[in-house]
N, C-alpha and C. Protein backbone atom coordinates (compact mmCIF):
# COMPACT_ATOMS: atom_id res chain seq x y z
N MET A 1 0.90 -1.02 -0.12
CA MET A 1 -0.14 -0.06 -0.05
C MET A 1 0.96 1.20 -0.04
N LYS A 2 0.62 2.30 -0.78
CA LYS A 2 1.23 3.34 -1.04
C LYS A 2 0.61 4.66 0.02
N VAL A 3 1.56 5.20 0.58
CA VAL A 3 1.19 6.43 1.46
C VAL A 3 1.95 7.63 1.13
N ALA A 4 1.32 8.75 1.09
CA ALA A 4 1.96 9.87 0.58
C ALA A 4 1.86 11.26 1.54
N ALA A 5 2.62 12.02 1.41
CA ALA A 5 2.63 13.23 2.11
C ALA A 5 3.28 14.35 1.46
N ASN A 6 2.57 15.39 1.23
CA ASN A 6 2.94 16.59 0.55
C ASN A 6 3.48 17.73 1.39
N ILE A 7 4.28 18.63 1.27
CA ILE A 7 4.74 19.52 1.86
C ILE A 7 5.01 20.72 0.89
N LYS A 8 4.29 21.77 1.00
CA LYS A 8 4.23 22.85 -0.08
C LYS A 8 4.82 24.09 0.56
N TYR A 9 5.31 24.92 -0.38
CA TYR A 9 5.87 26.21 -0.06
C TYR A 9 7.00 26.17 0.96
N LEU A 10 8.01 25.31 0.73
CA LEU A 10 9.28 25.29 1.76
C LEU A 10 10.06 26.43 1.26
N ARG A 11 10.56 27.24 2.32
CA ARG A 11 11.42 28.49 1.75
C ARG A 11 12.97 27.95 1.61
N ILE A 12 13.26 27.17 0.48
CA ILE A 12 14.37 26.70 0.19
C ILE A 12 14.34 26.50 -1.36
N SER A 13 15.59 26.62 -2.02
CA SER A 13 15.39 26.42 -3.42
C SER A 13 15.40 24.78 -3.74
N ALA A 14 14.71 24.52 -4.65
CA ALA A 14 14.42 23.09 -5.13
C ALA A 14 15.70 22.30 -5.45
N GLN A 15 16.77 23.08 -5.95
CA GLN A 15 18.07 22.52 -6.03
C GLN A 15 18.76 22.10 -4.73
N LYS A 16 18.73 23.13 -3.74
CA LYS A 16 19.27 22.36 -2.52
C LYS A 16 18.40 21.37 -1.63
N LEU A 17 17.14 21.47 -1.98
CA LEU A 17 16.26 20.25 -1.38
C LEU A 17 16.45 19.07 -2.16
N ARG A 18 16.80 19.03 -3.37
CA ARG A 18 17.03 17.78 -4.03
C ARG A 18 18.36 17.11 -3.61
N LEU A 19 19.30 17.82 -3.18
CA LEU A 19 20.44 17.16 -2.62
C LEU A 19 20.28 16.26 -1.46
N GLY A 20 19.37 16.93 -0.70
CA GLY A 20 18.95 16.08 0.84
C GLY A 20 18.11 14.92 0.47
N ALA A 21 17.27 15.20 -0.62
CA ALA A 21 16.39 13.98 -1.08
C ALA A 21 17.01 12.88 -1.65
N ASP A 22 18.13 13.14 -2.39
CA ASP A 22 18.91 11.96 -3.03
C ASP A 22 19.58 11.27 -1.99
N MET A 23 19.92 11.79 -0.89
CA MET A 23 20.45 11.01 0.16
C MET A 23 19.67 9.90 0.61
N VAL A 24 18.35 9.94 0.65
CA VAL A 24 17.47 9.02 1.32
C VAL A 24 16.55 8.35 0.24
N ARG A 25 16.69 8.46 -0.89
CA ARG A 25 15.89 7.84 -2.02
C ARG A 25 16.22 6.29 -1.98
N GLY A 26 15.06 5.54 -1.82
CA GLY A 26 14.94 4.08 -1.98
C GLY A 26 15.43 3.55 -0.47
N LYS A 27 15.62 4.24 0.47
CA LYS A 27 16.06 3.67 1.66
C LYS A 27 14.76 3.05 2.52
N ARG A 28 14.95 2.42 3.69
CA ARG A 28 13.92 2.16 4.64
C ARG A 28 13.62 3.45 5.31
N ALA A 29 12.35 3.61 5.62
CA ALA A 29 11.68 5.02 6.28
C ALA A 29 12.48 5.20 7.61
N LEU A 30 12.67 4.29 8.41
CA LEU A 30 13.43 4.60 9.77
C LEU A 30 14.91 4.78 9.61
N ASP A 31 15.47 4.05 8.55
CA ASP A 31 17.02 4.53 8.26
C ASP A 31 17.25 5.93 7.66
N ALA A 32 16.27 6.15 6.77
CA ALA A 32 16.19 7.53 6.25
C ALA A 32 16.12 8.64 7.33
N GLN A 33 15.26 8.33 8.31
CA GLN A 33 15.05 9.33 9.34
C GLN A 33 16.13 9.59 10.06
N GLU A 34 16.86 8.45 10.51
CA GLU A 34 18.24 8.47 11.30
C GLU A 34 19.16 9.29 10.52
N THR A 35 19.11 9.06 9.28
CA THR A 35 20.28 9.74 8.26
C THR A 35 20.00 11.27 8.09
N LEU A 36 18.79 11.62 8.32
CA LEU A 36 18.44 12.98 7.98
C LEU A 36 18.62 13.66 9.27
N LEU A 37 18.36 13.10 10.44
CA LEU A 37 18.53 13.78 11.82
C LEU A 37 20.07 14.00 12.16
N SER A 38 21.02 13.27 11.32
CA SER A 38 22.45 13.28 11.66
C SER A 38 23.05 14.42 10.65
N MET A 39 22.25 14.78 9.61
CA MET A 39 22.68 15.94 8.60
C MET A 39 22.60 17.18 9.25
N PRO A 40 23.36 18.06 9.05
CA PRO A 40 23.36 19.56 9.53
C PRO A 40 22.53 20.51 8.53
N GLN A 41 22.24 20.08 7.38
CA GLN A 41 21.66 21.08 6.27
C GLN A 41 20.13 21.32 6.72
N LYS A 42 19.89 22.46 6.15
CA LYS A 42 18.40 22.93 6.34
C LYS A 42 17.40 22.03 5.71
N SER A 43 17.90 21.55 4.48
CA SER A 43 16.96 20.73 3.72
C SER A 43 16.79 19.36 4.31
N ALA A 44 17.69 18.98 5.10
CA ALA A 44 17.47 17.72 5.78
C ALA A 44 16.48 17.69 6.92
N GLN A 45 16.32 18.99 7.68
CA GLN A 45 15.32 19.13 8.64
C GLN A 45 13.92 19.29 7.96
N MET A 46 13.80 19.70 6.64
CA MET A 46 12.53 19.86 5.98
C MET A 46 12.04 18.49 5.52
N ILE A 47 12.94 17.69 4.83
CA ILE A 47 12.67 16.38 4.55
C ILE A 47 12.45 15.33 5.70
N ALA A 48 12.93 15.65 6.85
CA ALA A 48 12.68 14.62 7.96
C ALA A 48 11.34 15.05 8.42
N SER A 49 10.89 16.29 8.54
CA SER A 49 9.53 16.75 8.93
C SER A 49 8.38 15.93 7.81
N GLY A 50 8.84 16.09 6.79
CA GLY A 50 7.90 15.33 5.72
C GLY A 50 7.69 13.96 5.77
N LEU A 51 8.93 13.23 5.92
CA LEU A 51 9.02 11.96 6.34
C LEU A 51 8.18 11.51 7.43
N LYS A 52 8.28 12.24 8.59
CA LYS A 52 7.59 12.03 9.82
C LYS A 52 6.19 11.96 9.48
N SER A 53 5.71 12.88 8.86
CA SER A 53 4.37 13.20 8.50
C SER A 53 3.83 11.94 7.57
N ALA A 54 4.75 11.35 6.71
CA ALA A 54 4.22 10.38 5.92
C ALA A 54 4.20 9.08 6.71
N ILE A 55 5.03 8.88 7.65
CA ILE A 55 4.94 7.74 8.45
C ILE A 55 3.89 7.87 9.40
N ALA A 56 3.58 8.82 9.97
CA ALA A 56 2.24 9.14 10.84
C ALA A 56 1.10 8.91 10.08
N ASN A 57 1.00 9.24 8.87
CA ASN A 57 -0.13 8.86 7.79
C ASN A 57 -0.35 7.48 7.66
N ALA A 58 0.75 6.66 7.61
CA ALA A 58 0.62 5.18 7.43
C ALA A 58 0.09 4.57 8.60
N GLU A 59 0.71 4.93 9.80
CA GLU A 59 0.51 4.32 11.00
C GLU A 59 -1.06 4.57 11.44
N ASN A 60 -1.40 5.83 11.39
CA ASN A 60 -2.92 6.21 11.80
C ASN A 60 -3.97 6.00 10.77
N ASN A 61 -3.53 6.17 9.52
CA ASN A 61 -4.84 5.94 8.54
C ASN A 61 -4.86 4.62 8.00
N TYR A 62 -3.79 3.96 8.03
CA TYR A 62 -3.85 2.57 7.32
C TYR A 62 -3.32 1.44 8.25
N GLN A 63 -2.91 1.66 9.50
CA GLN A 63 -2.33 0.69 10.36
C GLN A 63 -1.29 -0.05 9.83
N ILE A 64 -0.36 0.57 9.17
CA ILE A 64 0.86 -0.01 8.85
C ILE A 64 1.97 0.24 9.62
N SER A 65 2.94 -0.73 9.97
CA SER A 65 3.88 -0.70 10.98
C SER A 65 5.09 0.16 10.27
N SER A 66 5.69 1.14 11.05
CA SER A 66 6.73 1.94 10.41
C SER A 66 7.90 1.07 10.02
N ALA A 67 8.15 -0.01 10.54
CA ALA A 67 9.36 -0.90 10.24
C ALA A 67 9.24 -1.52 8.92
N ASN A 68 7.87 -1.58 8.29
CA ASN A 68 7.69 -2.24 6.87
C ASN A 68 7.70 -1.16 5.93
N LEU A 69 8.00 0.13 6.16
CA LEU A 69 7.93 1.25 5.16
C LEU A 69 9.27 1.48 4.54
N MET A 70 9.12 1.77 3.09
CA MET A 70 10.29 2.03 2.43
C MET A 70 9.87 3.28 1.55
N ILE A 71 10.85 4.19 1.25
CA ILE A 71 10.66 5.54 0.39
C ILE A 71 10.61 5.02 -0.94
N SER A 72 9.42 4.93 -1.75
CA SER A 72 9.38 4.40 -3.04
C SER A 72 9.57 5.52 -4.02
N GLU A 73 9.30 6.76 -3.79
CA GLU A 73 9.40 7.90 -4.29
C GLU A 73 9.69 9.21 -3.53
N ILE A 74 10.46 9.97 -3.96
CA ILE A 74 10.60 11.43 -3.24
C ILE A 74 10.84 12.29 -4.30
N ARG A 75 9.88 13.24 -4.41
CA ARG A 75 9.99 14.21 -5.61
C ARG A 75 9.91 15.54 -4.98
N VAL A 76 10.83 16.64 -5.58
CA VAL A 76 10.99 17.74 -5.36
C VAL A 76 10.72 18.70 -6.48
N ASP A 77 9.73 19.58 -6.40
CA ASP A 77 9.28 20.37 -7.50
C ASP A 77 9.50 21.87 -7.17
N GLN A 78 9.60 22.83 -8.15
CA GLN A 78 9.85 24.04 -7.87
C GLN A 78 8.62 24.94 -7.56
N GLY A 79 8.66 25.71 -6.74
CA GLY A 79 7.45 26.49 -6.41
C GLY A 79 7.51 27.89 -6.82
N PRO A 80 6.78 28.77 -6.42
CA PRO A 80 6.77 30.14 -6.71
C PRO A 80 7.94 30.72 -6.08
N LYS A 81 8.23 32.04 -6.68
CA LYS A 81 9.28 32.84 -5.96
C LYS A 81 8.81 33.96 -5.38
N LEU A 82 9.31 34.50 -4.31
CA LEU A 82 8.86 35.82 -3.77
C LEU A 82 9.67 36.76 -4.26
N LYS A 83 9.32 37.73 -4.82
CA LYS A 83 9.95 38.79 -5.68
C LYS A 83 10.03 40.09 -4.74
N ARG A 84 11.32 40.39 -4.32
CA ARG A 84 11.71 41.39 -3.46
C ARG A 84 12.69 42.36 -4.23
N GLY A 85 13.04 43.62 -3.70
CA GLY A 85 13.80 44.30 -4.28
C GLY A 85 14.75 45.24 -3.32
N ARG A 86 15.77 45.87 -3.77
CA ARG A 86 16.58 46.58 -2.73
C ARG A 86 17.11 47.68 -3.59
N PRO A 87 17.15 48.86 -2.91
CA PRO A 87 17.79 50.11 -3.54
C PRO A 87 19.31 49.87 -3.82
N ARG A 88 19.69 50.24 -5.05
CA ARG A 88 21.13 50.21 -5.38
C ARG A 88 21.80 51.38 -5.54
N ALA A 89 22.98 51.47 -6.04
CA ALA A 89 23.72 52.72 -6.19
C ALA A 89 22.98 53.51 -7.34
N LYS A 90 23.09 54.87 -7.50
CA LYS A 90 22.52 55.76 -8.55
C LYS A 90 21.09 55.51 -8.94
N GLY A 91 20.30 55.25 -8.07
CA GLY A 91 18.82 55.13 -8.20
C GLY A 91 18.52 53.84 -8.80
N ALA A 92 19.33 52.88 -8.94
CA ALA A 92 19.01 51.61 -9.56
C ALA A 92 18.26 50.67 -8.53
N TYR A 93 17.58 49.56 -9.14
CA TYR A 93 16.80 48.55 -8.32
C TYR A 93 17.40 47.27 -8.27
N GLY A 94 17.89 46.66 -7.31
CA GLY A 94 18.28 45.30 -7.13
C GLY A 94 17.26 44.35 -6.93
N LYS A 95 17.03 43.35 -7.95
CA LYS A 95 16.15 42.34 -7.88
C LYS A 95 16.52 41.30 -6.91
N ILE A 96 15.62 40.84 -5.92
CA ILE A 96 15.94 39.72 -4.92
C ILE A 96 14.70 38.76 -5.20
N GLU A 97 15.22 37.45 -5.26
CA GLU A 97 14.15 36.48 -5.37
C GLU A 97 14.31 35.33 -4.44
N HIS A 98 13.38 35.08 -3.61
CA HIS A 98 13.48 33.92 -2.71
C HIS A 98 12.62 32.82 -3.06
N PRO A 99 13.48 31.83 -3.66
CA PRO A 99 12.71 30.49 -4.19
C PRO A 99 11.95 29.67 -3.16
N MET A 100 11.08 28.84 -3.67
CA MET A 100 10.27 28.09 -2.76
C MET A 100 10.23 26.80 -3.53
N ALA A 101 9.99 25.54 -2.79
CA ALA A 101 9.95 24.20 -3.36
C ALA A 101 8.85 23.63 -2.68
N HIS A 102 8.20 22.43 -3.45
CA HIS A 102 7.35 21.65 -3.00
C HIS A 102 7.94 20.03 -2.94
N LEU A 103 7.54 19.49 -1.78
CA LEU A 103 8.06 18.15 -1.47
C LEU A 103 6.96 17.19 -1.53
N ARG A 104 7.13 16.07 -2.16
CA ARG A 104 6.09 14.94 -2.15
C ARG A 104 7.05 13.54 -1.84
N ILE A 105 6.55 13.00 -0.69
CA ILE A 105 7.15 11.86 -0.27
C ILE A 105 6.11 10.66 -0.35
N ILE A 106 6.44 9.53 -1.13
CA ILE A 106 5.62 8.55 -1.27
C ILE A 106 6.20 7.14 -0.62
N LEU A 107 5.55 6.68 0.49
CA LEU A 107 6.08 5.45 1.14
C LEU A 107 5.44 4.19 0.53
N ASP A 108 5.93 3.07 0.76
CA ASP A 108 5.36 1.88 0.23
C ASP A 108 5.65 0.74 1.32
N SER A 109 4.68 0.10 1.71
CA SER A 109 5.07 -1.07 2.56
C SER A 109 5.92 -2.21 1.86
N SER A 110 6.86 -2.75 2.61
CA SER A 110 7.75 -3.65 1.95
C SER A 110 7.17 -4.98 1.99
N GLU A 111 6.02 -5.38 2.62
CA GLU A 111 5.36 -6.47 2.42
C GLU A 111 4.98 -6.95 1.04
N ASP A 112 4.55 -5.80 0.15
CA ASP A 112 4.26 -6.07 -1.11
C ASP A 112 5.31 -6.25 -2.07
N GLN A 113 6.54 -5.56 -1.70
CA GLN A 113 7.74 -5.68 -2.61
C GLN A 113 8.44 -7.12 -2.64
N PRO A 114 9.04 -7.39 -3.68
CA PRO A 114 9.79 -8.70 -3.72
C PRO A 114 10.94 -8.52 -2.79
N LYS A 115 11.24 -9.79 -2.17
CA LYS A 115 12.29 -9.73 -1.25
C LYS A 115 13.77 -9.85 -1.88
N THR A 116 14.67 -9.13 -1.24
CA THR A 116 16.06 -9.23 -2.02
C THR A 116 16.78 -10.36 -1.35
N GLU A 117 17.88 -10.58 -1.76
CA GLU A 117 18.82 -11.62 -1.18
C GLU A 117 19.19 -11.52 0.18
N ALA A 118 19.44 -10.21 0.73
CA ALA A 118 19.59 -9.96 2.11
C ALA A 118 18.65 -10.34 3.01
N SER A 119 17.29 -10.05 2.54
CA SER A 119 16.06 -10.28 3.58
C SER A 119 15.77 -11.83 3.53
N LYS A 120 16.25 -12.49 2.32
CA LYS A 120 16.09 -14.11 2.49
C LYS A 120 16.75 -14.96 3.61
N LYS A 121 17.81 -14.33 3.94
CA LYS A 121 18.66 -15.06 4.92
C LYS A 121 17.82 -15.12 6.35
N PRO A 122 18.08 -16.19 6.99
CA PRO A 122 17.36 -16.23 8.27
C PRO A 122 17.90 -15.28 9.32
N ALA A 123 17.07 -14.60 10.14
CA ALA A 123 17.59 -13.71 11.14
C ALA A 123 18.35 -14.19 12.14
N GLN A 124 19.31 -13.63 12.68
CA GLN A 124 20.28 -14.03 13.64
C GLN A 124 19.82 -13.33 14.85
N ALA A 125 20.09 -13.97 16.06
CA ALA A 125 19.76 -13.39 17.35
C ALA A 125 20.80 -12.37 17.75
N VAL A 126 20.34 -11.17 18.10
CA VAL A 126 21.22 -10.02 18.36
C VAL A 126 21.34 -9.86 19.83
N SER A 127 22.59 -10.14 20.43
CA SER A 127 22.93 -9.86 21.84
C SER A 127 23.17 -8.33 22.03
N LYS A 128 22.99 -8.09 23.23
CA LYS A 128 23.10 -6.51 23.64
C LYS A 128 24.47 -6.09 23.40
N SER A 129 25.48 -6.97 23.42
CA SER A 129 26.86 -6.45 23.11
C SER A 129 27.10 -6.09 21.62
N THR A 130 26.37 -6.69 20.80
CA THR A 130 26.55 -6.46 19.38
C THR A 130 25.47 -5.54 18.80
N ALA A 131 24.54 -5.08 19.59
CA ALA A 131 23.47 -4.21 19.23
C ALA A 131 24.17 -2.81 19.01
N LYS A 132 23.63 -2.01 17.96
CA LYS A 132 24.18 -0.72 17.63
C LYS A 132 23.47 0.28 18.83
N PRO A 133 24.45 1.00 19.31
CA PRO A 133 23.94 1.81 20.36
C PRO A 133 23.37 3.12 19.60
N LYS A 134 22.36 3.60 20.21
CA LYS A 134 21.65 4.86 19.73
C LYS A 134 22.70 6.04 19.86
N VAL A 135 22.76 6.61 18.89
CA VAL A 135 23.75 7.84 18.83
C VAL A 135 22.94 9.17 18.96
N THR A 136 23.18 10.04 19.95
CA THR A 136 22.64 11.19 19.91
C THR A 136 23.70 12.37 19.71
N THR A 137 23.35 13.48 19.18
CA THR A 137 24.20 14.46 19.01
C THR A 137 23.99 15.87 19.61
N THR A 138 24.91 16.56 20.17
CA THR A 138 24.46 17.77 20.80
C THR A 138 25.48 18.81 20.14
N ILE A 139 24.81 19.96 19.89
CA ILE A 139 25.54 21.00 19.17
C ILE A 139 25.79 22.12 20.09
N THR A 140 27.07 22.44 20.14
CA THR A 140 27.35 23.62 21.17
C THR A 140 27.99 24.73 20.33
N ASN A 141 27.52 25.93 20.57
CA ASN A 141 28.03 27.02 20.08
C ASN A 141 29.02 27.78 20.91
N LYS A 142 30.41 27.67 20.70
CA LYS A 142 31.40 28.23 21.66
C LYS A 142 32.17 29.45 20.98
N LYS A 143 32.06 30.42 21.67
CA LYS A 143 32.87 31.61 21.10
C LYS A 143 34.32 31.45 21.39
N ARG A 144 35.20 31.57 20.24
CA ARG A 144 36.50 31.75 20.44
C ARG A 144 37.17 32.94 20.90
N GLY A 145 37.97 32.82 21.92
CA GLY A 145 38.62 34.14 22.49
C GLY A 145 39.88 34.32 21.74
N LYS A 146 40.33 35.58 21.70
CA LYS A 146 41.73 35.80 21.30
C LYS A 146 42.71 35.33 22.03
N LYS A 147 43.81 34.74 21.38
CA LYS A 147 45.04 34.44 22.20
C LYS A 147 46.13 35.53 22.29
């Protein structure tokens, strides 16, 4: 079953948003969410919020587990431009355009998709020592003093 989420009028250029979308295209939804949360770009935050919305749509509207979801399509389209101006030298007018973009994320449950070679192998028991630890990042802003 396919589940979609649309986010319109994002205040970022479509070109910059596509860079983040290319990083998660074709991945499992939960893996893509972890990847986006570790990226510092503004586009990653916007795609992560759209992905979170699509996962919530799948869980609440169709009772699909988030573990079974994969990103089947992620599309970035160009939106309208806010046109502003600024006075320049000798009475000239400087044109400033603020681009916008539209994001569409389509998730598909992996139950319907053909299984790959990796998923055909039997599952192994994972002990606590071999399990991946959850990584949390903290960002601190420190001002550097003069030496």
